[in-house]
PDB file of N, CA and C in Angstrom:
ATOM      1  N   MET A   1     -16.432  -1.157  14.068  1.00  0.00           N
ATOM      2  CA  MET A   1     -15.596  -2.114  13.382  1.00  0.00           C
ATOM      3  C   MET A   1     -14.818  -1.387  12.300  1.00  0.00           C
ATOM      4  N   TYR A   2     -13.575  -1.663  12.203  1.00  0.00           N
ATOM      5  CA  TYR A   2     -12.736  -1.001  11.216  1.00  0.00           C
ATOM      6  C   TYR A   2     -12.907  -1.645   9.855  1.00  0.00           C
ATOM      7  N   PRO A   3     -12.809  -0.843   8.791  1.00  0.00           N
ATOM      8  CA  PRO A   3     -12.907  -1.445   7.460  1.00  0.00           C
ATOM      9  C   PRO A   3     -11.708  -2.354   7.223  1.00  0.00           C
ATOM     10  N   HIS A   4     -11.901  -3.309   6.350  1.00  0.00           N
ATOM     11  CA  HIS A   4     -10.836  -4.267   6.055  1.00  0.00           C
ATOM     12  C   HIS A   4      -9.830  -3.699   5.070  1.00  0.00           C
ATOM     13  N   ARG A   5      -9.987  -2.458   4.742  1.00  0.00           N
ATOM     14  CA  ARG A   5      -9.109  -1.827   3.775  1.00  0.00           C
ATOM     15  C   ARG A   5      -8.276  -0.777   4.489  1.00  0.00           C
ATOM     16  N   PHE A   6      -7.008  -0.793   4.262  1.00  0.00           N
ATOM     17  CA  PHE A   6      -6.201   0.228   4.900  1.00  0.00           C
ATOM     18  C   PHE A   6      -5.056   0.641   4.001  1.00  0.00           C
ATOM     19  N   ARG A   7      -4.515   1.764   4.287  1.00  0.00           N
ATOM     20  CA  ARG A   7      -3.412   2.304   3.492  1.00  0.00           C
ATOM     21  C   ARG A   7      -2.109   2.185   4.258  1.00  0.00           C
ATOM     22  N   LEU A   8      -1.125   1.799   3.527  1.00  0.00           N
ATOM     23  CA  LEU A   8       0.223   1.808   4.063  1.00  0.00           C
ATOM     24  C   LEU A   8       0.840   3.106   3.557  1.00  0.00           C
ATOM     25  N   ALA A   9       0.971   4.085   4.401  1.00  0.00           N
ATOM     26  CA  ALA A   9       1.428   5.403   3.976  1.00  0.00           C
ATOM     27  C   ALA A   9       2.942   5.393   3.839  1.00  0.00           C
ATOM     28  N   VAL A  10       3.412   4.775   2.780  1.00  0.00           N
ATOM     29  CA  VAL A  10       4.841   4.575   2.571  1.00  0.00           C
ATOM     30  C   VAL A  10       5.584   5.903   2.509  1.00  0.00           C
ATOM     31  N   LEU A  11       5.176   6.757   1.586  1.00  0.00           N
ATOM     32  CA  LEU A  11       5.920   7.999   1.413  1.00  0.00           C
ATOM     33  C   LEU A  11       5.709   8.979   2.562  1.00  0.00           C
ATOM     34  N   CYS A  12       4.491   9.064   3.055  1.00  0.00           N
ATOM     35  CA  CYS A  12       4.218   9.986   4.159  1.00  0.00           C
ATOM     36  C   CYS A  12       5.024   9.624   5.394  1.00  0.00           C
ATOM     37  N   ALA A  13       5.077   8.355   5.700  1.00  0.00           N
ATOM     38  CA  ALA A  13       5.811   7.924   6.885  1.00  0.00           C
ATOM     39  C   ALA A  13       7.295   8.221   6.751  1.00  0.00           C
ATOM     40  N   LEU A  14       7.807   8.123   5.532  1.00  0.00           N
ATOM     41  CA  LEU A  14       9.228   8.372   5.326  1.00  0.00           C
ATOM     42  C   LEU A  14       9.551   9.861   5.256  1.00  0.00           C
ATOM     43  N   CYS A  15       8.574  10.667   4.831  1.00  0.00           N
ATOM     44  CA  CYS A  15       8.843  12.085   4.605  1.00  0.00           C
ATOM     45  C   CYS A  15       8.554  12.981   5.804  1.00  0.00           C
ATOM     46  N   LEU A  16       7.665  12.582   6.672  1.00  0.00           N
ATOM     47  CA  LEU A  16       7.310  13.440   7.795  1.00  0.00           C
ATOM     48  C   LEU A  16       8.368  13.394   8.886  1.00  0.00           C
ATOM     49  N   PRO A  17       8.776  14.555   9.381  1.00  0.00           N
ATOM     50  CA  PRO A  17       9.726  14.538  10.489  1.00  0.00           C
ATOM     51  C   PRO A  17       9.061  13.989  11.750  1.00  0.00           C
ATOM     52  N   PRO A  18       9.802  13.259  12.554  1.00  0.00           N
ATOM     53  CA  PRO A  18       9.208  12.637  13.736  1.00  0.00           C
ATOM     54  C   PRO A  18       8.846  13.624  14.835  1.00  0.00           C
ATOM     55  N   THR A  19       9.198  14.897  14.695  1.00  0.00           N
ATOM     56  CA  THR A  19       8.951  15.870  15.755  1.00  0.00           C
ATOM     57  C   THR A  19       7.642  16.632  15.584  1.00  0.00           C
ATOM     58  N   LEU A  20       6.833  16.294  14.584  1.00  0.00           N
ATOM     59  CA  LEU A  20       5.560  16.986  14.423  1.00  0.00           C
ATOM     60  C   LEU A  20       4.629  16.647  15.583  1.00  0.00           C
ATOM     61  N   PRO A  21       3.929  17.645  16.131  1.00  0.00           N
ATOM     62  CA  PRO A  21       2.988  17.342  17.207  1.00  0.00           C
ATOM     63  C   PRO A  21       1.810  16.545  16.660  1.00  0.00           C
ATOM     64  N   ALA A  22       1.393  15.555  17.406  1.00  0.00           N
ATOM     65  CA  ALA A  22       0.288  14.694  16.968  1.00  0.00           C
ATOM     66  C   ALA A  22      -1.041  15.304  17.385  1.00  0.00           C
ATOM     67  N   GLN A  23      -1.973  15.390  16.461  1.00  0.00           N
ATOM     68  CA  GLN A  23      -3.331  15.812  16.750  1.00  0.00           C
ATOM     69  C   GLN A  23      -4.097  14.574  17.214  1.00  0.00           C
ATOM     70  N   PRO A  24      -5.171  14.733  17.981  1.00  0.00           N
ATOM     71  CA  PRO A  24      -5.928  13.558  18.418  1.00  0.00           C
ATOM     72  C   PRO A  24      -6.365  12.659  17.262  1.00  0.00           C
ATOM     73  N   ALA A  25      -6.850  13.237  16.159  1.00  0.00           N
ATOM     74  CA  ALA A  25      -7.275  12.420  15.018  1.00  0.00           C
ATOM     75  C   ALA A  25      -6.090  11.673  14.430  1.00  0.00           C
ATOM     76  N   GLU A  26      -4.943  12.335  14.367  1.00  0.00           N
ATOM     77  CA  GLU A  26      -3.746  11.678  13.849  1.00  0.00           C
ATOM     78  C   GLU A  26      -3.369  10.506  14.740  1.00  0.00           C
ATOM     79  N   ARG A  27      -3.510  10.684  16.038  1.00  0.00           N
ATOM     80  CA  ARG A  27      -3.176   9.611  16.972  1.00  0.00           C
ATOM     81  C   ARG A  27      -4.091   8.408  16.741  1.00  0.00           C
ATOM     82  N   ASP A  28      -5.395   8.661  16.539  1.00  0.00           N
ATOM     83  CA  ASP A  28      -6.338   7.579  16.252  1.00  0.00           C
ATOM     84  C   ASP A  28      -5.962   6.860  14.966  1.00  0.00           C
ATOM     85  N   ASP A  29      -5.604   7.641  13.928  1.00  0.00           N
ATOM     86  CA  ASP A  29      -5.185   7.041  12.660  1.00  0.00           C
ATOM     87  C   ASP A  29      -3.925   6.224  12.840  1.00  0.00           C
ATOM     88  N   THR A  30      -3.011   6.715  13.666  1.00  0.00           N
ATOM     89  CA  THR A  30      -1.759   5.998  13.904  1.00  0.00           C
ATOM     90  C   THR A  30      -2.026   4.675  14.598  1.00  0.00           C
ATOM     91  N   VAL A  31      -2.898   4.682  15.594  1.00  0.00           N
ATOM     92  CA  VAL A  31      -3.237   3.447  16.310  1.00  0.00           C
ATOM     93  C   VAL A  31      -3.885   2.457  15.347  1.00  0.00           C
ATOM     94  N   ARG A  32      -4.816   2.935  14.522  1.00  0.00           N
ATOM     95  CA  ARG A  32      -5.487   2.066  13.553  1.00  0.00           C
ATOM     96  C   ARG A  32      -4.477   1.517  12.552  1.00  0.00           C
ATOM     97  N   THR A  33      -3.596   2.385  12.054  1.00  0.00           N
ATOM     98  CA  THR A  33      -2.590   1.956  11.087  1.00  0.00           C
ATOM     99  C   THR A  33      -1.658   0.923  11.693  1.00  0.00           C
ATOM    100  N   GLU A  34      -1.258   1.123  12.946  1.00  0.00           N
ATOM    101  CA  GLU A  34      -0.380   0.152  13.603  1.00  0.00           C
ATOM    102  C   GLU A  34      -1.073  -1.201  13.735  1.00  0.00           C
ATOM    103  N   ARG A  35      -2.359  -1.191  14.066  1.00  0.00           N
ATOM    104  CA  ARG A  35      -3.107  -2.457  14.148  1.00  0.00           C
ATOM    105  C   ARG A  35      -3.211  -3.116  12.778  1.00  0.00           C
ATOM    106  N   ASP A  36      -3.479  -2.305  11.754  1.00  0.00           N
ATOM    107  CA  ASP A  36      -3.575  -2.834  10.394  1.00  0.00           C
ATOM    108  C   ASP A  36      -2.241  -3.417   9.942  1.00  0.00           C
ATOM    109  N   HIS A  37      -1.159  -2.714  10.248  1.00  0.00           N
ATOM    110  CA  HIS A  37       0.172  -3.212   9.890  1.00  0.00           C
ATOM    111  C   HIS A  37       0.439  -4.526  10.605  1.00  0.00           C
ATOM    112  N   GLU A  38       0.020  -4.616  11.852  1.00  0.00           N
ATOM    113  CA  GLU A  38       0.239  -5.849  12.610  1.00  0.00           C
ATOM    114  C   GLU A  38      -0.551  -7.003  11.992  1.00  0.00           C
ATOM    115  N   ARG A  39      -1.782  -6.743  11.574  1.00  0.00           N
ATOM    116  CA  ARG A  39      -2.566  -7.793  10.908  1.00  0.00           C
ATOM    117  C   ARG A  39      -1.888  -8.238   9.619  1.00  0.00           C
ATOM    118  N   ALA A  40      -1.352  -7.275   8.870  1.00  0.00           N
ATOM    119  CA  ALA A  40      -0.654  -7.616   7.627  1.00  0.00           C
ATOM    120  C   ALA A  40       0.602  -8.428   7.924  1.00  0.00           C
ATOM    121  N   ARG A  41       1.332  -8.048   8.979  1.00  0.00           N
ATOM    122  CA  ARG A  41       2.537  -8.811   9.363  1.00  0.00           C
ATOM    123  C   ARG A  41       2.164 -10.237   9.759  1.00  0.00           C
ATOM    124  N   GLN A  42       1.075 -10.376  10.494  1.00  0.00           N
ATOM    125  CA  GLN A  42       0.637 -11.715  10.900  1.00  0.00           C
ATOM    126  C   GLN A  42       0.232 -12.550   9.689  1.00  0.00           C
ATOM    127  N   ALA A  43      -0.456 -11.932   8.746  1.00  0.00           N
ATOM    128  CA  ALA A  43      -0.849 -12.655   7.531  1.00  0.00           C
ATOM    129  C   ALA A  43       0.386 -13.078   6.752  1.00  0.00           C
ATOM    130  N   ARG A  44       1.379 -12.206   6.695  1.00  0.00           N
ATOM    131  CA  ARG A  44       2.629 -12.535   5.995  1.00  0.00           C
ATOM    132  C   ARG A  44       3.370 -13.647   6.733  1.00  0.00           C
ATOM    133  N   ALA A  45       3.462 -13.532   8.055  1.00  0.00           N
ATOM    134  CA  ALA A  45       4.188 -14.530   8.849  1.00  0.00           C
ATOM    135  C   ALA A  45       3.529 -15.902   8.735  1.00  0.00           C
ATOM    136  N   SER A  46       2.220 -15.926   8.612  1.00  0.00           N
ATOM    137  CA  SER A  46       1.513 -17.205   8.497  1.00  0.00           C
ATOM    138  C   SER A  46       1.602 -17.776   7.085  1.00  0.00           C
ATOM    139  N   GLY A  47       2.156 -16.993   6.173  1.00  0.00           N
ATOM    140  CA  GLY A  47       2.263 -17.447   4.790  1.00  0.00           C
ATOM    141  C   GLY A  47       1.031 -17.142   3.965  1.00  0.00           C
ATOM    142  N   ALA A  48       0.067 -16.425   4.547  1.00  0.00           N
ATOM    143  CA  ALA A  48      -1.164 -16.116   3.818  1.00  0.00           C
ATOM    144  C   ALA A  48      -0.923 -15.111   2.693  1.00  0.00           C
ATOM    145  N   TYR A  49      -0.041 -14.132   2.913  1.00  0.00           N
ATOM    146  CA  TYR A  49       0.224 -13.093   1.918  1.00  0.00           C
ATOM    147  C   TYR A  49       1.683 -13.112   1.504  1.00  0.00           C
ATOM    148  N   MET A  50       1.907 -12.705   0.257  1.00  0.00           N
ATOM    149  CA  MET A  50       3.265 -12.540  -0.263  1.00  0.00           C
ATOM    150  C   MET A  50       3.905 -11.334   0.432  1.00  0.00           C
ATOM    151  N   PRO A  51       5.240 -11.320   0.538  1.00  0.00           N
ATOM    152  CA  PRO A  51       5.899 -10.150   1.119  1.00  0.00           C
ATOM    153  C   PRO A  51       5.661  -8.915   0.245  1.00  0.00           C
ATOM    154  N   LEU A  52       5.371  -7.803   0.886  1.00  0.00           N
ATOM    155  CA  LEU A  52       5.121  -6.566   0.155  1.00  0.00           C
ATOM    156  C   LEU A  52       6.319  -6.190  -0.709  1.00  0.00           C
ATOM    157  N   GLN A  53       7.531  -6.397  -0.213  1.00  0.00           N
ATOM    158  CA  GLN A  53       8.717  -5.999  -0.975  1.00  0.00           C
ATOM    159  C   GLN A  53       8.789  -6.718  -2.321  1.00  0.00           C
ATOM    160  N   SER A  54       8.421  -7.982  -2.368  1.00  0.00           N
ATOM    161  CA  SER A  54       8.459  -8.697  -3.652  1.00  0.00           C
ATOM    162  C   SER A  54       7.409  -8.136  -4.612  1.00  0.00           C
ATOM    163  N   ILE A  55       6.270  -7.720  -4.076  1.00  0.00           N
ATOM    164  CA  ILE A  55       5.230  -7.098  -4.900  1.00  0.00           C
ATOM    165  C   ILE A  55       5.728  -5.753  -5.428  1.00  0.00           C
ATOM    166  N   LEU A  56       6.350  -4.956  -4.551  1.00  0.00           N
ATOM    167  CA  LEU A  56       6.870  -3.655  -4.970  1.00  0.00           C
ATOM    168  C   LEU A  56       7.966  -3.804  -6.013  1.00  0.00           C
ATOM    169  N   ASP A  57       8.838  -4.794  -5.849  1.00  0.00           N
ATOM    170  CA  ASP A  57       9.906  -5.027  -6.831  1.00  0.00           C
ATOM    171  C   ASP A  57       9.313  -5.323  -8.207  1.00  0.00           C
ATOM    172  N   ASP A  58       8.291  -6.175  -8.248  1.00  0.00           N
ATOM    173  CA  ASP A  58       7.656  -6.506  -9.523  1.00  0.00           C
ATOM    174  C   ASP A  58       6.962  -5.281 -10.117  1.00  0.00           C
ATOM    175  N   ALA A  59       6.288  -4.511  -9.279  1.00  0.00           N
ATOM    176  CA  ALA A  59       5.593  -3.311  -9.755  1.00  0.00           C
ATOM    177  C   ALA A  59       6.583  -2.325 -10.370  1.00  0.00           C
ATOM    178  N   GLN A  60       7.735  -2.153  -9.735  1.00  0.00           N
ATOM    179  CA  GLN A  60       8.747  -1.229 -10.250  1.00  0.00           C
ATOM    180  C   GLN A  60       9.347  -1.729 -11.563  1.00  0.00           C
ATOM    181  N   ARG A  61       9.467  -3.035 -11.722  1.00  0.00           N
ATOM    182  CA  ARG A  61       9.950  -3.582 -13.000  1.00  0.00           C
ATOM    183  C   ARG A  61       8.939  -3.310 -14.114  1.00  0.00           C
ATOM    184  N   ARG A  62       7.671  -3.443 -13.791  1.00  0.00           N
ATOM    185  CA  ARG A  62       6.626  -3.245 -14.798  1.00  0.00           C
ATOM    186  C   ARG A  62       6.406  -1.770 -15.120  1.00  0.00           C
ATOM    187  N   GLU A  63       6.453  -0.932 -14.100  1.00  0.00           N
ATOM    188  CA  GLU A  63       6.167   0.499 -14.250  1.00  0.00           C
ATOM    189  C   GLU A  63       7.209   1.313 -13.491  1.00  0.00           C
ATOM    190  N   PRO A  64       8.335   1.625 -14.126  1.00  0.00           N
ATOM    191  CA  PRO A  64       9.337   2.450 -13.440  1.00  0.00           C
ATOM    192  C   PRO A  64       8.727   3.801 -13.055  1.00  0.00           C
ATOM    193  N   GLY A  65       9.056   4.252 -11.881  1.00  0.00           N
ATOM    194  CA  GLY A  65       8.536   5.514 -11.379  1.00  0.00           C
ATOM    195  C   GLY A  65       8.587   5.525  -9.869  1.00  0.00           C
ATOM    196  N   ARG A  66       7.833   6.445  -9.288  1.00  0.00           N
ATOM    197  CA  ARG A  66       7.830   6.616  -7.834  1.00  0.00           C
ATOM    198  C   ARG A  66       6.546   6.033  -7.247  1.00  0.00           C
ATOM    199  N   VAL A  67       6.692   5.136  -6.298  1.00  0.00           N
ATOM    200  CA  VAL A  67       5.522   4.573  -5.616  1.00  0.00           C
ATOM    201  C   VAL A  67       4.920   5.678  -4.752  1.00  0.00           C
ATOM    202  N   VAL A  68       3.643   5.985  -4.998  1.00  0.00           N
ATOM    203  CA  VAL A  68       2.992   7.063  -4.252  1.00  0.00           C
ATOM    204  C   VAL A  68       1.920   6.560  -3.299  1.00  0.00           C
ATOM    205  N   ASP A  69       1.501   5.297  -3.462  1.00  0.00           N
ATOM    206  CA  ASP A  69       0.485   4.769  -2.555  1.00  0.00           C
ATOM    207  C   ASP A  69       0.518   3.252  -2.583  1.00  0.00           C
ATOM    208  N   VAL A  70       0.297   2.666  -1.422  1.00  0.00           N
ATOM    209  CA  VAL A  70       0.208   1.214  -1.292  1.00  0.00           C
ATOM    210  C   VAL A  70      -0.981   0.915  -0.390  1.00  0.00           C
ATOM    211  N   GLU A  71      -1.850   0.024  -0.831  1.00  0.00           N
ATOM    212  CA  GLU A  71      -2.989  -0.400  -0.017  1.00  0.00           C
ATOM    213  C   GLU A  71      -3.039  -1.916   0.005  1.00  0.00           C
ATOM    214  N   LEU A  72      -3.543  -2.445   1.098  1.00  0.00           N
ATOM    215  CA  LEU A  72      -3.852  -3.867   1.172  1.00  0.00           C
ATOM    216  C   LEU A  72      -5.348  -3.980   1.395  1.00  0.00           C
ATOM    217  N   ASP A  73      -6.054  -4.457   0.398  1.00  0.00           N
ATOM    218  CA  ASP A  73      -7.498  -4.649   0.484  1.00  0.00           C
ATOM    219  C   ASP A  73      -7.726  -6.084   0.942  1.00  0.00           C
ATOM    220  N   GLU A  74      -8.022  -6.242   2.226  1.00  0.00           N
ATOM    221  CA  GLU A  74      -8.185  -7.582   2.783  1.00  0.00           C
ATOM    222  C   GLU A  74      -9.467  -8.254   2.307  1.00  0.00           C
ATOM    223  N   ASP A  75     -10.463  -7.474   1.905  1.00  0.00           N
ATOM    224  CA  ASP A  75     -11.698  -8.070   1.379  1.00  0.00           C
ATOM    225  C   ASP A  75     -11.417  -8.866   0.109  1.00  0.00           C
ATOM    226  N   ASP A  76     -10.527  -8.318  -0.725  1.00  0.00           N
ATOM    227  CA  ASP A  76     -10.201  -8.961  -2.001  1.00  0.00           C
ATOM    228  C   ASP A  76      -8.845  -9.653  -1.976  1.00  0.00           C
ATOM    229  N   ASP A  77      -8.169  -9.659  -0.819  1.00  0.00           N
ATOM    230  CA  ASP A  77      -6.806 -10.200  -0.731  1.00  0.00           C
ATOM    231  C   ASP A  77      -5.951  -9.621  -1.850  1.00  0.00           C
ATOM    232  N   GLU A  78      -5.882  -8.292  -1.870  1.00  0.00           N
ATOM    233  CA  GLU A  78      -5.245  -7.620  -2.993  1.00  0.00           C
ATOM    234  C   GLU A  78      -4.372  -6.458  -2.528  1.00  0.00           C
ATOM    235  N   TYR A  79      -3.140  -6.416  -3.037  1.00  0.00           N
ATOM    236  CA  TYR A  79      -2.286  -5.247  -2.877  1.00  0.00           C
ATOM    237  C   TYR A  79      -2.600  -4.305  -4.031  1.00  0.00           C
ATOM    238  N   GLU A  80      -2.770  -3.025  -3.722  1.00  0.00           N
ATOM    239  CA  GLU A  80      -2.995  -2.011  -4.746  1.00  0.00           C
ATOM    240  C   GLU A  80      -1.839  -1.020  -4.672  1.00  0.00           C
ATOM    241  N   ILE A  81      -1.070  -0.935  -5.740  1.00  0.00           N
ATOM    242  CA  ILE A  81       0.126  -0.101  -5.791  1.00  0.00           C
ATOM    243  C   ILE A  81      -0.111   1.005  -6.808  1.00  0.00           C
ATOM    244  N   GLU A  82       0.122   2.264  -6.415  1.00  0.00           N
ATOM    245  CA  GLU A  82       0.047   3.382  -7.352  1.00  0.00           C
ATOM    246  C   GLU A  82       1.452   3.901  -7.593  1.00  0.00           C
ATOM    247  N   ILE A  83       1.789   4.074  -8.873  1.00  0.00           N
ATOM    248  CA  ILE A  83       3.118   4.537  -9.268  1.00  0.00           C
ATOM    249  C   ILE A  83       2.965   5.770 -10.144  1.00  0.00           C
ATOM    250  N   LEU A  84       3.729   6.815  -9.808  1.00  0.00           N
ATOM    251  CA  LEU A  84       3.779   8.027 -10.616  1.00  0.00           C
ATOM    252  C   LEU A  84       4.922   7.873 -11.606  1.00  0.00           C
ATOM    253  N   ARG A  85       4.585   7.816 -12.890  1.00  0.00           N
ATOM    254  CA  ARG A  85       5.604   7.665 -13.926  1.00  0.00           C
ATOM    255  C   ARG A  85       6.236   9.011 -14.248  1.00  0.00           C
ATOM    256  N   ALA A  86       7.360   8.975 -14.958  1.00  0.00           N
ATOM    257  CA  ALA A  86       8.074  10.194 -15.341  1.00  0.00           C
ATOM    258  C   ALA A  86       7.217  11.096 -16.227  1.00  0.00           C
ATOM    259  N   ASP A  87       6.284  10.519 -16.991  1.00  0.00           N
ATOM    260  CA  ASP A  87       5.427  11.319 -17.866  1.00  0.00           C
ATOM    261  C   ASP A  87       4.243  11.944 -17.122  1.00  0.00           C
ATOM    262  N   GLY A  88       4.171  11.727 -15.806  1.00  0.00           N
ATOM    263  CA  GLY A  88       3.120  12.317 -14.985  1.00  0.00           C
ATOM    264  C   GLY A  88       1.895  11.445 -14.800  1.00  0.00           C
ATOM    265  N   ALA A  89       1.818  10.344 -15.507  1.00  0.00           N
ATOM    266  CA  ALA A  89       0.675   9.440 -15.369  1.00  0.00           C
ATOM    267  C   ALA A  89       0.802   8.627 -14.083  1.00  0.00           C
ATOM    268  N   VAL A  90      -0.335   8.368 -13.455  1.00  0.00           N
ATOM    269  CA  VAL A  90      -0.377   7.503 -12.279  1.00  0.00           C
ATOM    270  C   VAL A  90      -0.970   6.168 -12.717  1.00  0.00           C
ATOM    271  N   VAL A  91      -0.217   5.105 -12.458  1.00  0.00           N
ATOM    272  CA  VAL A  91      -0.643   3.761 -12.844  1.00  0.00           C
ATOM    273  C   VAL A  91      -0.949   2.971 -11.583  1.00  0.00           C
ATOM    274  N   GLU A  92      -2.111   2.323 -11.547  1.00  0.00           N
ATOM    275  CA  GLU A  92      -2.454   1.453 -10.421  1.00  0.00           C
ATOM    276  C   GLU A  92      -2.288   0.006 -10.860  1.00  0.00           C
ATOM    277  N   LEU A  93      -1.524  -0.734 -10.078  1.00  0.00           N
ATOM    278  CA  LEU A  93      -1.317  -2.158 -10.312  1.00  0.00           C
ATOM    279  C   LEU A  93      -1.951  -2.909  -9.151  1.00  0.00           C
ATOM    280  N   ASP A  94      -2.816  -3.856  -9.457  1.00  0.00           N
ATOM    281  CA  ASP A  94      -3.483  -4.658  -8.433  1.00  0.00           C
ATOM    282  C   ASP A  94      -2.920  -6.073  -8.471  1.00  0.00           C
ATOM    283  N   TYR A  95      -2.427  -6.526  -7.323  1.00  0.00           N
ATOM    284  CA  TYR A  95      -1.800  -7.844  -7.211  1.00  0.00           C
ATOM    285  C   TYR A  95      -2.583  -8.730  -6.254  1.00  0.00           C
ATOM    286  N   ASP A  96      -2.650  -9.997  -6.565  1.00  0.00           N
ATOM    287  CA  ASP A  96      -3.194 -10.986  -5.647  1.00  0.00           C
ATOM    288  C   ASP A  96      -2.220 -11.092  -4.474  1.00  0.00           C
ATOM    289  N   ALA A  97      -2.672 -10.780  -3.275  1.00  0.00           N
ATOM    290  CA  ALA A  97      -1.787 -10.770  -2.101  1.00  0.00           C
ATOM    291  C   ALA A  97      -1.320 -12.172  -1.731  1.00  0.00           C
ATOM    292  N   ARG A  98      -2.078 -13.176  -2.096  1.00  0.00           N
ATOM    293  CA  ARG A  98      -1.719 -14.556  -1.746  1.00  0.00           C
ATOM    294  C   ARG A  98      -0.718 -15.170  -2.722  1.00  0.00           C
ATOM    295  N   THR A  99      -0.855 -14.859  -4.021  1.00  0.00           N
ATOM    296  CA  THR A  99       0.007 -15.483  -5.029  1.00  0.00           C
ATOM    297  C   THR A  99       1.047 -14.540  -5.608  1.00  0.00           C
ATOM    298  N   GLY A 100       0.793 -13.229  -5.520  1.00  0.00           N
ATOM    299  CA  GLY A 100       1.694 -12.252  -6.122  1.00  0.00           C
ATOM    300  C   GLY A 100       1.423 -12.017  -7.595  1.00  0.00           C
ATOM    301  N   ASP A 101       0.378 -12.624  -8.136  1.00  0.00           N
ATOM    302  CA  ASP A 101       0.039 -12.451  -9.551  1.00  0.00           C
ATOM    303  C   ASP A 101      -0.587 -11.082  -9.781  1.00  0.00           C
ATOM    304  N   LEU A 102      -0.217 -10.452 -10.904  1.00  0.00           N
ATOM    305  CA  LEU A 102      -0.820  -9.184 -11.289  1.00  0.00           C
ATOM    306  C   LEU A 102      -2.248  -9.444 -11.751  1.00  0.00           C
ATOM    307  N   ARG A 103      -3.213  -8.757 -11.134  1.00  0.00           N
ATOM    308  CA  ARG A 103      -4.628  -8.932 -11.494  1.00  0.00           C
ATOM    309  C   ARG A 103      -5.106  -7.877 -12.478  1.00  0.00           C
ATOM    310  N   ASP A 104      -4.610  -6.637 -12.295  1.00  0.00           N
ATOM    311  CA  ASP A 104      -5.131  -5.541 -13.106  1.00  0.00           C
ATOM    312  C   ASP A 104      -4.105  -4.422 -13.178  1.00  0.00           C
ATOM    313  N   ARG A 105      -4.122  -3.704 -14.294  1.00  0.00           N
ATOM    314  CA  ARG A 105      -3.272  -2.523 -14.492  1.00  0.00           C
ATOM    315  C   ARG A 105      -4.168  -1.441 -15.070  1.00  0.00           C
ATOM    316  N   GLU A 106      -4.127  -0.260 -14.452  1.00  0.00           N
ATOM    317  CA  GLU A 106      -5.008   0.816 -14.889  1.00  0.00           C
ATOM    318  C   GLU A 106      -4.269   2.139 -14.803  1.00  0.00           C
ATOM    319  N   ILE A 107      -4.368   2.941 -15.867  1.00  0.00           N
ATOM    320  CA  ILE A 107      -3.829   4.298 -15.836  1.00  0.00           C
ATOM    321  C   ILE A 107      -4.958   5.187 -15.342  1.00  0.00           C
ATOM    322  N   GLU A 108      -4.710   5.893 -14.236  1.00  0.00           N
ATOM    323  CA  GLU A 108      -5.761   6.703 -13.620  1.00  0.00           C
ATOM    324  C   GLU A 108      -5.906   8.028 -14.341  1.00  0.00           C
ATOM    325  N   ASP A 109      -7.152   8.462 -14.491  1.00  0.00           N
ATOM    326  CA  ASP A 109      -7.462   9.748 -15.109  1.00  0.00           C
ATOM    327  C   ASP A 109      -7.413  10.837 -14.060  1.00  0.00           C
ATOM    328  N   ASP A 110      -7.179  12.076 -14.510  1.00  0.00           N
ATOM    329  CA  ASP A 110      -7.195  13.225 -13.600  1.00  0.00           C
ATOM    330  C   ASP A 110      -8.618  13.624 -13.252  1.00  0.00           C
ATOM    331  N   ASP A 111      -9.589  13.182 -14.020  1.00  0.00           N
ATOM    332  CA  ASP A 111     -10.991  13.576 -13.815  1.00  0.00           C
ATOM    333  C   ASP A 111     -11.563  12.967 -12.583  1.00  0.00           C
TER     334      ASP A 111
END
């Protein structure tokens, strides 16, 4: 059974050239990610979750910087957004996936 937590590899998917040869493990991860994305799309289409883009827009307004990671934790119905600020700090913003409300803001330590 797959965990209910998955990563949306926003930057990796955009940065990797499509001509890289796929390793078997990468192929398994890709299949799992595609299934996870499909579940997220279905939840969004049913109205269960807020659109990711609206969450990202709010996160960028609160913490200008580069989005480096996006997760959807289905156990907690929570989007987790990590943003790298210009000062080098990484800020994690946790949003309620159903309402879009900000639940938590945390500056991550290097330790």
